[in-house]
C-alpha atoms as a PDB file:
ATOM      1  CA  UNK A   1      81.228-160.943 -11.078  1.00  0.00           C
ATOM      2  CA  UNK A   2      83.485-158.836  -8.871  1.00  0.00           C
ATOM      3  CA  UNK A   3      87.083-160.095  -8.617  1.00  0.00           C
ATOM      4  CA  UNK A   4      86.777-160.011  -4.814  1.00  0.00           C
ATOM      5  CA  UNK A   5      84.023-158.871  -2.481  1.00  0.00           C
ATOM      6  CA  UNK A   6      84.288-155.208  -1.518  1.00  0.00           C
ATOM      7  CA  UNK A   7      82.636-155.832   1.859  1.00  0.00           C
ATOM      8  CA  UNK A   8      82.404-158.862   4.107  1.00  0.00           C
ATOM      9  CA  UNK A   9      78.956-158.103   5.484  1.00  0.00           C
ATOM     10  CA  UNK A  10      76.425-155.521   4.280  1.00  0.00           C
ATOM     11  CA  UNK A  11      73.500-154.729   6.594  1.00  0.00           C
ATOM     12  CA  UNK A  12      70.385-153.294   4.956  1.00  0.00           C
ATOM     13  CA  UNK A  13      68.144-151.490   7.451  1.00  0.00           C
ATOM     14  CA  UNK A  14      64.792-151.319   5.692  1.00  0.00           C
ATOM     15  CA  UNK A  15      63.840-153.608   2.822  1.00  0.00           C
ATOM     16  CA  UNK A  16      61.892-151.486   0.351  1.00  0.00           C
ATOM     17  CA  UNK A  17      62.512-150.935  -3.357  1.00  0.00           C
ATOM     18  CA  UNK A  18      66.019-149.459  -3.063  1.00  0.00           C
ATOM     19  CA  UNK A  19      67.352-151.853  -0.429  1.00  0.00           C
ATOM     20  CA  UNK A  20      65.871-154.934  -2.095  1.00  0.00           C
ATOM     21  CA  UNK A  21      67.377-153.849  -5.428  1.00  0.00           C
ATOM     22  CA  UNK A  22      70.718-153.367  -3.676  1.00  0.00           C
ATOM     23  CA  UNK A  23      70.467-156.865  -2.203  1.00  0.00           C
ATOM     24  CA  UNK A  24      69.888-158.468  -5.605  1.00  0.00           C
ATOM     25  CA  UNK A  25      72.615-156.369  -7.263  1.00  0.00           C
ATOM     26  CA  UNK A  26      75.216-156.927  -4.529  1.00  0.00           C
ATOM     27  CA  UNK A  27      74.628-160.649  -4.349  1.00  0.00           C
ATOM     28  CA  UNK A  28      74.453-161.043  -8.115  1.00  0.00           C
ATOM     29  CA  UNK A  29      77.769-159.255  -8.651  1.00  0.00           C
ATOM     30  CA  UNK A  30      79.527-160.819  -5.657  1.00  0.00           C
ATOM     31  CA  UNK A  31      80.174-157.416  -4.074  1.00  0.00           C
ATOM     32  CA  UNK A  32      79.796-158.732  -0.508  1.00  0.00           C
ATOM     33  CA  UNK A  33      80.272-162.083   1.200  1.00  0.00           C
ATOM     34  CA  UNK A  34      77.015-161.743   3.126  1.00  0.00           C
ATOM     35  CA  UNK A  35      73.937-159.499   2.946  1.00  0.00           C
ATOM     36  CA  UNK A  36      71.890-159.171   6.127  1.00  0.00           C
ATOM     37  CA  UNK A  37      68.546-157.387   6.151  1.00  0.00           C
ATOM     38  CA  UNK A  38      65.944-156.206   8.592  1.00  0.00           C
ATOM     39  CA  UNK A  39      62.739-154.162   8.631  1.00  0.00           C
ATOM     40  CA  UNK A  40      60.364-152.832  11.279  1.00  0.00           C
ATOM     41  CA  UNK A  41      57.449-154.809   9.844  1.00  0.00           C
ATOM     42  CA  UNK A  42      57.279-158.534  10.584  1.00  0.00           C
ATOM     43  CA  UNK A  43      55.385-158.962   7.315  1.00  0.00           C
ATOM     44  CA  UNK A  44      58.214-157.340   5.357  1.00  0.00           C
ATOM     45  CA  UNK A  45      60.795-159.540   7.086  1.00  0.00           C
ATOM     46  CA  UNK A  46      58.736-162.639   6.304  1.00  0.00           C
ATOM     47  CA  UNK A  47      58.450-161.632   2.646  1.00  0.00           C
ATOM     48  CA  UNK A  48      62.209-161.065   2.425  1.00  0.00           C
ATOM     49  CA  UNK A  49      62.822-164.548   3.822  1.00  0.00           C
ATOM     50  CA  UNK A  50      60.242-166.075   1.501  1.00  0.00           C
ATOM     51  CA  UNK A  51      61.834-164.659  -1.663  1.00  0.00           C
ATOM     52  CA  UNK A  52      65.414-165.290  -0.501  1.00  0.00           C
ATOM     53  CA  UNK A  53      66.290-161.611  -0.653  1.00  0.00           C
ATOM     54  CA  UNK A  54      69.107-161.716   1.922  1.00  0.00           C
ATOM     55  CA  UNK A  55      71.458-164.318   3.313  1.00  0.00           C
ATOM     56  CA  UNK A  56      69.963-163.605   6.733  1.00  0.00           C
ATOM     57  CA  UNK A  57      67.017-161.570   7.993  1.00  0.00           C
ATOM     58  CA  UNK A  58      67.090-160.338  11.598  1.00  0.00           C
ATOM     59  CA  UNK A  59      64.310-159.028  13.811  1.00  0.00           C
ATOM     60  CA  UNK A  60      66.096-155.841  14.849  1.00  0.00           C
ATOM     61  CA  UNK A  61      68.452-153.297  13.349  1.00  0.00           C
ATOM     62  CA  UNK A  62      70.847-153.776  16.266  1.00  0.00           C
ATOM     63  CA  UNK A  63      71.194-157.476  15.384  1.00  0.00           C
ATOM     64  CA  UNK A  64      71.653-156.720  11.686  1.00  0.00           C
ATOM     65  CA  UNK A  65      74.608-154.346  12.093  1.00  0.00           C
ATOM     66  CA  UNK A  66      76.711-156.588  14.340  1.00  0.00           C
ATOM     67  CA  UNK A  67      79.912-157.405  12.448  1.00  0.00           C
ATOM     68  CA  UNK A  68      78.846-155.452   9.359  1.00  0.00           C
ATOM     69  CA  UNK A  69      81.474-153.380   7.592  1.00  0.00           C
ATOM     70  CA  UNK A  70      78.785-151.528   5.601  1.00  0.00           C
ATOM     71  CA  UNK A  71      75.443-150.415   7.052  1.00  0.00           C
ATOM     72  CA  UNK A  72      72.813-148.947   4.716  1.00  0.00           C
ATOM     73  CA  UNK A  73      69.993-146.918   6.259  1.00  0.00           C
ATOM     74  CA  UNK A  74      67.096-147.442   3.851  1.00  0.00           C
ATOM     75  CA  UNK A  75      64.300-146.069   6.007  1.00  0.00           C
ATOM     76  CA  UNK A  76      62.208-142.887   5.607  1.00  0.00           C
ATOM     77  CA  UNK A  77      64.276-139.764   6.217  1.00  0.00           C
ATOM     78  CA  UNK A  78      62.223-138.844   9.285  1.00  0.00           C
ATOM     79  CA  UNK A  79      63.149-142.119  10.998  1.00  0.00           C
ATOM     80  CA  UNK A  80      66.905-142.018  10.415  1.00  0.00           C
ATOM     81  CA  UNK A  81      67.924-140.141  13.540  1.00  0.00           C
ATOM     82  CA  UNK A  82      66.244-142.636  15.865  1.00  0.00           C
ATOM     83  CA  UNK A  83      67.580-145.507  13.775  1.00  0.00           C
ATOM     84  CA  UNK A  84      71.151-144.202  13.999  1.00  0.00           C
ATOM     85  CA  UNK A  85      70.820-143.857  17.762  1.00  0.00           C
ATOM     86  CA  UNK A  86      69.555-147.438  17.980  1.00  0.00           C
ATOM     87  CA  UNK A  87      72.399-149.026  16.031  1.00  0.00           C
ATOM     88  CA  UNK A  88      75.271-146.805  17.253  1.00  0.00           C
ATOM     89  CA  UNK A  89      76.356-149.008  20.205  1.00  0.00           C
ATOM     90  CA  UNK A  90      76.525-152.054  17.938  1.00  0.00           C
ATOM     91  CA  UNK A  91      78.577-150.670  15.040  1.00  0.00           C
ATOM     92  CA  UNK A  92      81.945-152.257  14.390  1.00  0.00           C
ATOM     93  CA  UNK A  93      85.054-150.037  14.453  1.00  0.00           C
ATOM     94  CA  UNK A  94      86.045-149.125  10.895  1.00  0.00           C
ATOM     95  CA  UNK A  95      82.553-149.785   9.515  1.00  0.00           C
ATOM     96  CA  UNK A  96      80.892-147.415   7.061  1.00  0.00           C
ATOM     97  CA  UNK A  97      77.352-146.111   7.586  1.00  0.00           C
ATOM     98  CA  UNK A  98      75.527-144.765   4.543  1.00  0.00           C
ATOM     99  CA  UNK A  99      71.929-144.107   3.549  1.00  0.00           C
ATOM    100  CA  UNK A 100      69.764-143.866   0.425  1.00  0.00           C
ATOM    101  CA  UNK A 101      67.544-140.925   1.404  1.00  0.00           C
ATOM    102  CA  UNK A 102      66.314-138.307  -1.061  1.00  0.00           C
ATOM    103  CA  UNK A 103      67.366-135.440   1.238  1.00  0.00           C
ATOM    104  CA  UNK A 104      70.891-135.015   2.547  1.00  0.00           C
ATOM    105  CA  UNK A 105      71.196-132.029   4.926  1.00  0.00           C
ATOM    106  CA  UNK A 106      68.478-133.378   7.228  1.00  0.00           C
ATOM    107  CA  UNK A 107      70.091-136.832   7.174  1.00  0.00           C
ATOM    108  CA  UNK A 108      73.505-135.403   8.059  1.00  0.00           C
ATOM    109  CA  UNK A 109      72.024-133.377  10.922  1.00  0.00           C
ATOM    110  CA  UNK A 110      70.017-136.326  12.265  1.00  0.00           C
ATOM    111  CA  UNK A 111      72.533-139.149  11.858  1.00  0.00           C
ATOM    112  CA  UNK A 112      76.032-137.663  12.257  1.00  0.00           C
ATOM    113  CA  UNK A 113      75.735-136.925  16.009  1.00  0.00           C
ATOM    114  CA  UNK A 114      75.164-140.630  16.696  1.00  0.00           C
ATOM    115  CA  UNK A 115      78.063-142.022  14.644  1.00  0.00           C
ATOM    116  CA  UNK A 116      80.814-143.287  16.987  1.00  0.00           C
ATOM    117  CA  UNK A 117      84.453-142.336  16.559  1.00  0.00           C
ATOM    118  CA  UNK A 118      86.188-144.715  14.183  1.00  0.00           C
ATOM    119  CA  UNK A 119      83.042-145.317  12.082  1.00  0.00           C
ATOM    120  CA  UNK A 120      82.790-143.652   8.663  1.00  0.00           C
ATOM    121  CA  UNK A 121      79.589-141.818   7.706  1.00  0.00           C
ATOM    122  CA  UNK A 122      78.994-141.248   3.983  1.00  0.00           C
ATOM    123  CA  UNK A 123      75.449-140.185   3.051  1.00  0.00           C
ATOM    124  CA  UNK A 124      74.325-141.254  -0.416  1.00  0.00           C
ATOM    125  CA  UNK A 125      71.383-140.902  -2.770  1.00  0.00           C
ATOM    126  CA  UNK A 126      70.819-143.261  -5.715  1.00  0.00           C
ATOM    127  CA  UNK A 127      68.760-141.397  -8.333  1.00  0.00           C
ATOM    128  CA  UNK A 128      66.717-144.419  -9.301  1.00  0.00           C
ATOM    129  CA  UNK A 129      63.309-145.754  -8.483  1.00  0.00           C
ATOM    130  CA  UNK A 130      59.860-146.758  -9.616  1.00  0.00           C
ATOM    131  CA  UNK A 131      56.390-146.087  -8.260  1.00  0.00           C
ATOM    132  CA  UNK A 132      56.430-149.520  -6.584  1.00  0.00           C
ATOM    133  CA  UNK A 133      57.599-150.267  -3.044  1.00  0.00           C
ATOM    134  CA  UNK A 134      58.317-153.179  -0.738  1.00  0.00           C
ATOM    135  CA  UNK A 135      60.767-156.093  -0.897  1.00  0.00           C
ATOM    136  CA  UNK A 136      59.096-157.679  -3.924  1.00  0.00           C
ATOM    137  CA  UNK A 137      59.575-154.483  -5.950  1.00  0.00           C
ATOM    138  CA  UNK A 138      63.369-154.682  -6.145  1.00  0.00           C
ATOM    139  CA  UNK A 139      65.393-155.841  -9.148  1.00  0.00           C
ATOM    140  CA  UNK A 140      69.140-156.090  -9.717  1.00  0.00           C
ATOM    141  CA  UNK A 141      69.338-153.719 -12.696  1.00  0.00           C
ATOM    142  CA  UNK A 142      67.580-150.743 -11.069  1.00  0.00           C
ATOM    143  CA  UNK A 143      70.804-148.733 -10.741  1.00  0.00           C
ATOM    144  CA  UNK A 144      72.320-149.446 -14.146  1.00  0.00           C
ATOM    145  CA  UNK A 145      73.230-146.212 -15.964  1.00  0.00           C
ATOM    146  CA  UNK A 146      71.688-144.162 -13.154  1.00  0.00           C
ATOM    147  CA  UNK A 147      73.522-141.722 -10.888  1.00  0.00           C
ATOM    148  CA  UNK A 148      74.345-142.166  -7.230  1.00  0.00           C
ATOM    149  CA  UNK A 149      75.412-139.015  -5.373  1.00  0.00           C
ATOM    150  CA  UNK A 150      77.737-139.378  -2.385  1.00  0.00           C
ATOM    151  CA  UNK A 151      78.071-136.710   0.295  1.00  0.00           C
ATOM    152  CA  UNK A 152      81.325-137.422   2.173  1.00  0.00           C
ATOM    153  CA  UNK A 153      81.820-135.443   5.377  1.00  0.00           C
ATOM    154  CA  UNK A 154      84.914-133.278   5.917  1.00  0.00           C
ATOM    155  CA  UNK A 155      86.448-135.911   8.184  1.00  0.00           C
ATOM    156  CA  UNK A 156      85.601-138.879   5.921  1.00  0.00           C
ATOM    157  CA  UNK A 157      88.492-141.219   5.113  1.00  0.00           C
ATOM    158  CA  UNK A 158      89.021-141.046   1.311  1.00  0.00           C
ATOM    159  CA  UNK A 159      89.607-144.811   1.250  1.00  0.00           C
ATOM    160  CA  UNK A 160      86.148-145.422   2.740  1.00  0.00           C
ATOM    161  CA  UNK A 161      84.596-143.141   0.131  1.00  0.00           C
ATOM    162  CA  UNK A 162      86.475-144.890  -2.687  1.00  0.00           C
ATOM    163  CA  UNK A 163      85.250-148.266  -1.435  1.00  0.00           C
ATOM    164  CA  UNK A 164      81.625-147.101  -1.379  1.00  0.00           C
ATOM    165  CA  UNK A 165      82.032-145.553  -4.840  1.00  0.00           C
ATOM    166  CA  UNK A 166      83.273-148.941  -6.079  1.00  0.00           C
ATOM    167  CA  UNK A 167      80.197-150.660  -4.622  1.00  0.00           C
ATOM    168  CA  UNK A 168      77.796-148.348  -6.460  1.00  0.00           C
ATOM    169  CA  UNK A 169      79.826-148.655  -9.651  1.00  0.00           C
ATOM    170  CA  UNK A 170      79.686-152.420  -9.235  1.00  0.00           C
ATOM    171  CA  UNK A 171      75.884-152.174  -9.172  1.00  0.00           C
ATOM    172  CA  UNK A 172      75.996-150.332 -12.497  1.00  0.00           C
ATOM    173  CA  UNK A 173      75.638-146.728 -11.292  1.00  0.00           C
ATOM    174  CA  UNK A 174      77.533-143.594 -12.260  1.00  0.00           C
ATOM    175  CA  UNK A 175      78.890-141.993  -9.089  1.00  0.00           C
ATOM    176  CA  UNK A 176      79.487-138.349  -8.227  1.00  0.00           C
ATOM    177  CA  UNK A 177      80.122-136.377  -5.031  1.00  0.00           C
ATOM    178  CA  UNK A 178      78.199-133.321  -3.887  1.00  0.00           C
ATOM    179  CA  UNK A 179      77.774-131.012  -0.902  1.00  0.00           C
ATOM    180  CA  UNK A 180      74.621-131.724   1.131  1.00  0.00           C
ATOM    181  CA  UNK A 181      72.995-128.311   0.660  1.00  0.00           C
ATOM    182  CA  UNK A 182      73.712-128.216  -3.062  1.00  0.00           C
ATOM    183  CA  UNK A 183      72.317-131.746  -3.380  1.00  0.00           C
ATOM    184  CA  UNK A 184      69.062-130.661  -1.753  1.00  0.00           C
ATOM    185  CA  UNK A 185      68.688-127.679  -4.095  1.00  0.00           C
ATOM    186  CA  UNK A 186      69.416-129.757  -7.209  1.00  0.00           C
ATOM    187  CA  UNK A 187      66.950-132.448  -6.151  1.00  0.00           C
ATOM    188  CA  UNK A 188      64.297-129.844  -5.357  1.00  0.00           C
ATOM    189  CA  UNK A 189      64.468-128.939  -9.061  1.00  0.00           C
ATOM    190  CA  UNK A 190      64.786-132.412 -10.572  1.00  0.00           C
ATOM    191  CA  UNK A 191      62.617-134.475  -8.235  1.00  0.00           C
ATOM    192  CA  UNK A 192      60.943-132.900  -5.217  1.00  0.00           C
ATOM    193  CA  UNK A 193      59.029-130.039  -6.845  1.00  0.00           C
ATOM    194  CA  UNK A 194      57.974-132.214  -9.834  1.00  0.00           C
ATOM    195  CA  UNK A 195      56.555-134.786  -7.431  1.00  0.00           C
ATOM    196  CA  UNK A 196      54.630-132.138  -5.526  1.00  0.00           C
ATOM    197  CA  UNK A 197      53.246-130.764  -8.798  1.00  0.00           C
ATOM    198  CA  UNK A 198      52.210-134.282  -9.844  1.00  0.00           C
ATOM    199  CA  UNK A 199      50.433-134.858  -6.538  1.00  0.00           C
ATOM    200  CA  UNK A 200      48.701-131.495  -6.958  1.00  0.00           C
ATOM    201  CA  UNK A 201      47.560-132.154 -10.529  1.00  0.00           C
ATOM    202  CA  UNK A 202      46.088-135.530  -9.610  1.00  0.00           C
ATOM    203  CA  UNK A 203      44.399-133.895  -6.603  1.00  0.00           C
ATOM    204  CA  UNK A 204      42.933-131.190  -8.846  1.00  0.00           C
ATOM    205  CA  UNK A 205      41.480-133.841 -11.165  1.00  0.00           C
ATOM    206  CA  UNK A 206      39.958-135.597  -8.176  1.00  0.00           C
ATOM    207  CA  UNK A 207      38.369-132.350  -6.973  1.00  0.00           C
ATOM    208  CA  UNK A 208      37.077-131.262 -10.374  1.00  0.00           C
ATOM    209  CA  UNK A 209      33.447-132.282 -10.109  1.00  0.00           C
ATOM    210  CA  UNK A 210      32.734-131.309 -13.721  1.00  0.00           C
ATOM    211  CA  UNK A 211      34.667-134.456 -14.718  1.00  0.00           C
ATOM    212  CA  UNK A 212      33.529-137.757 -13.290  1.00  0.00           C
ATOM    213  CA  UNK A 213      35.932-140.280 -11.822  1.00  0.00           C
ATOM    214  CA  UNK A 214      35.248-142.703 -14.648  1.00  0.00           C
ATOM    215  CA  UNK A 215      36.100-140.069 -17.261  1.00  0.00           C
ATOM    216  CA  UNK A 216      39.381-139.183 -15.522  1.00  0.00           C
ATOM    217  CA  UNK A 217      40.402-142.837 -15.646  1.00  0.00           C
ATOM    218  CA  UNK A 218      38.942-143.736 -19.049  1.00  0.00           C
ATOM    219  CA  UNK A 219      40.212-140.752 -21.003  1.00  0.00           C
ATOM    220  CA  UNK A 220      43.578-140.199 -19.311  1.00  0.00           C
ATOM    221  CA  UNK A 221      46.027-138.898 -21.909  1.00  0.00           C
ATOM    222  CA  UNK A 222      49.756-139.523 -21.599  1.00  0.00           C
ATOM    223  CA  UNK A 223      50.463-136.347 -19.609  1.00  0.00           C
ATOM    224  CA  UNK A 224      47.938-137.027 -16.858  1.00  0.00           C
ATOM    225  CA  UNK A 225      48.786-140.740 -16.843  1.00  0.00           C
ATOM    226  CA  UNK A 226      52.441-139.895 -16.165  1.00  0.00           C
ATOM    227  CA  UNK A 227      51.394-137.569 -13.340  1.00  0.00           C
ATOM    228  CA  UNK A 228      49.456-140.439 -11.738  1.00  0.00           C
ATOM    229  CA  UNK A 229      52.495-142.727 -12.006  1.00  0.00           C
ATOM    230  CA  UNK A 230      54.636-140.194 -10.116  1.00  0.00           C
ATOM    231  CA  UNK A 231      51.861-139.516  -7.606  1.00  0.00           C
ATOM    232  CA  UNK A 232      51.668-143.243  -6.819  1.00  0.00           C
ATOM    233  CA  UNK A 233      55.047-143.062  -5.041  1.00  0.00           C
ATOM    234  CA  UNK A 234      55.399-143.967  -1.361  1.00  0.00           C
ATOM    235  CA  UNK A 235      53.483-141.344   0.679  1.00  0.00           C
ATOM    236  CA  UNK A 236      55.596-141.756   3.843  1.00  0.00           C
ATOM    237  CA  UNK A 237      58.831-141.151   1.963  1.00  0.00           C
ATOM    238  CA  UNK A 238      57.501-138.065   0.188  1.00  0.00           C
ATOM    239  CA  UNK A 239      55.966-136.609   3.343  1.00  0.00           C
ATOM    240  CA  UNK A 240      59.415-136.764   4.948  1.00  0.00           C
ATOM    241  CA  UNK A 241      61.125-135.354   1.840  1.00  0.00           C
ATOM    242  CA  UNK A 242      59.000-132.202   1.851  1.00  0.00           C
ATOM    243  CA  UNK A 243      59.231-131.690   5.604  1.00  0.00           C
ATOM    244  CA  UNK A 244      63.020-132.102   5.626  1.00  0.00           C
ATOM    245  CA  UNK A 245      63.862-130.238   2.402  1.00  0.00           C
ATOM    246  CA  UNK A 246      61.454-127.406   3.083  1.00  0.00           C
ATOM    247  CA  UNK A 247      63.585-124.384   2.161  1.00  0.00           C
ATOM    248  CA  UNK A 248      64.908-125.648  -1.172  1.00  0.00           C
ATOM    249  CA  UNK A 249      61.505-126.974  -2.241  1.00  0.00           C
ATOM    250  CA  UNK A 250      59.758-123.700  -1.376  1.00  0.00           C
ATOM    251  CA  UNK A 251      62.414-121.754  -3.293  1.00  0.00           C
ATOM    252  CA  UNK A 252      61.849-123.834  -6.427  1.00  0.00           C
ATOM    253  CA  UNK A 253      58.062-123.720  -6.045  1.00  0.00           C
ATOM    254  CA  UNK A 254      58.307-119.923  -5.878  1.00  0.00           C
ATOM    255  CA  UNK A 255      60.215-119.905  -9.158  1.00  0.00           C
ATOM    256  CA  UNK A 256      57.674-122.335 -10.627  1.00  0.00           C
ATOM    257  CA  UNK A 257      54.820-120.053  -9.617  1.00  0.00           C
ATOM    258  CA  UNK A 258      56.496-117.102 -11.376  1.00  0.00           C
ATOM    259  CA  UNK A 259      56.903-119.159 -14.557  1.00  0.00           C
ATOM    260  CA  UNK A 260      53.306-120.362 -14.340  1.00  0.00           C
ATOM    261  CA  UNK A 261      52.033-116.783 -14.051  1.00  0.00           C
ATOM    262  CA  UNK A 262      54.080-115.828 -17.135  1.00  0.00           C
ATOM    263  CA  UNK A 263      52.523-118.687 -19.108  1.00  0.00           C
ATOM    264  CA  UNK A 264      49.053-117.754 -17.885  1.00  0.00           C
ATOM    265  CA  UNK A 265      49.603-114.204 -19.106  1.00  0.00           C
ATOM    266  CA  UNK A 266      50.838-115.436 -22.511  1.00  0.00           C
ATOM    267  CA  UNK A 267      47.782-117.644 -22.945  1.00  0.00           C
ATOM    268  CA  UNK A 268      45.420-114.892 -21.802  1.00  0.00           C
ATOM    269  CA  UNK A 269      46.934-112.312 -24.185  1.00  0.00           C
ATOM    270  CA  UNK A 270      47.386-114.716 -27.096  1.00  0.00           C
ATOM    271  CA  UNK A 271      51.188-114.378 -27.076  1.00  0.00           C
ATOM    272  CA  UNK A 272      51.942-117.326 -29.341  1.00  0.00           C
ATOM    273  CA  UNK A 273      55.549-116.301 -29.895  1.00  0.00           C
ATOM    274  CA  UNK A 274      56.309-116.449 -26.196  1.00  0.00           C
ATOM    275  CA  UNK A 275      54.648-119.864 -25.836  1.00  0.00           C
ATOM    276  CA  UNK A 276      56.487-121.287 -28.865  1.00  0.00           C
ATOM    277  CA  UNK A 277      59.866-119.987 -27.666  1.00  0.00           C
ATOM    278  CA  UNK A 278      59.267-121.328 -24.150  1.00  0.00           C
ATOM    279  CA  UNK A 279      58.226-124.785 -25.355  1.00  0.00           C
ATOM    280  CA  UNK A 280      61.182-124.925 -27.769  1.00  0.00           C
ATOM    281  CA  UNK A 281      63.601-124.237 -24.912  1.00  0.00           C
ATOM    282  CA  UNK A 282      62.053-126.833 -22.627  1.00  0.00           C
ATOM    283  CA  UNK A 283      61.958-129.390 -25.442  1.00  0.00           C
ATOM    284  CA  UNK A 284      65.745-129.029 -25.732  1.00  0.00           C
ATOM    285  CA  UNK A 285      66.111-129.962 -22.058  1.00  0.00           C
ATOM    286  CA  UNK A 286      64.168-133.159 -22.717  1.00  0.00           C
ATOM    287  CA  UNK A 287      66.522-133.960 -25.610  1.00  0.00           C
ATOM    288  CA  UNK A 288      69.494-133.425 -23.305  1.00  0.00           C
ATOM    289  CA  UNK A 289      68.100-135.934 -20.794  1.00  0.00           C
ATOM    290  CA  UNK A 290      67.757-138.544 -23.552  1.00  0.00           C
ATOM    291  CA  UNK A 291      71.255-137.855 -24.875  1.00  0.00           C
ATOM    292  CA  UNK A 292      72.646-138.281 -21.350  1.00  0.00           C
ATOM    293  CA  UNK A 293      71.179-141.794 -21.299  1.00  0.00           C
ATOM    294  CA  UNK A 294      68.755-141.037 -18.460  1.00  0.00           C
ATOM    295  CA  UNK A 295      65.599-141.864 -20.441  1.00  0.00           C
ATOM    296  CA  UNK A 296      64.489-143.174 -23.808  1.00  0.00           C
ATOM    297  CA  UNK A 297      62.886-141.490 -26.800  1.00  0.00           C
ATOM    298  CA  UNK A 298      61.080-144.718 -27.703  1.00  0.00           C
ATOM    299  CA  UNK A 299      57.398-144.184 -28.584  1.00  0.00           C
ATOM    300  CA  UNK A 300      55.261-143.900 -25.471  1.00  0.00           C
ATOM    301  CA  UNK A 301      58.461-143.947 -23.340  1.00  0.00           C
ATOM    302  CA  UNK A 302      59.036-147.588 -24.266  1.00  0.00           C
ATOM    303  CA  UNK A 303      55.892-148.843 -22.541  1.00  0.00           C
ATOM    304  CA  UNK A 304      54.725-152.311 -23.444  1.00  0.00           C
ATOM    305  CA  UNK A 305      51.327-151.874 -25.053  1.00  0.00           C
ATOM    306  CA  UNK A 306      48.426-154.097 -24.137  1.00  0.00           C
ATOM    307  CA  UNK A 307      45.351-154.561 -26.259  1.00  0.00           C
ATOM    308  CA  UNK A 308      44.681-152.701 -29.495  1.00  0.00           C
END
């Protein structure tokens, strides 16, 4: 339990996986006196009320931000500009506006012009998630031992940044700061390109008429199964990610294509030494991820087995 709430009122605009997990974590740790939530969908708002996700659920974003000293934009990246314009007249002086989008340069460009003087804008990106979405998908421990990257603007008050850092730390996250463009390049490597490759691999399996649908499902080995888990992520969010982080993603995909051609050549020419050296190097990266506490080396990635 936090010694004292960091914020009086937190407004969550959008109530998907990240925002609902924030609501449970903030309320569970006493990091705010009140959590208010809203979503475009009436069904989502009704679900949030049903499960007691927030202290209050409002019909509009404008209502939600009134009196809030922290506003979290948890909508698809492509919607954030319009959302910022909608809430701008209702933001309290001294409030902080942040977001949880997977792209940062596009968010800065879309949101910053609408932030009134006297309101702090600190983009953020929690590197946590599952393939599930919606208000029922959230859980309080989602951010524990995961990283949250903050992107303070040049004019950001350091005290406002420190307060937001403390909130994420209070939810169990490690916190770091990063420039928006560098963030987008790093995430193109660690998240965006891998997701696009997963979507592509699952699409290839669907198109491969030599293998029936039942065989793809019945005989899925761990590698393909993990691709399908990634490819089950929210399509709206990932559409916006690729459209708004176009340059960095294309740069990394170009590098990926070069590596893929090199591996194709090694397989074609029977260059076992090259393949072994390449796989040894990439295996070491996997070990580094485990040692950093960002995954587990438990058998089958710690999955609970069902059946025999």
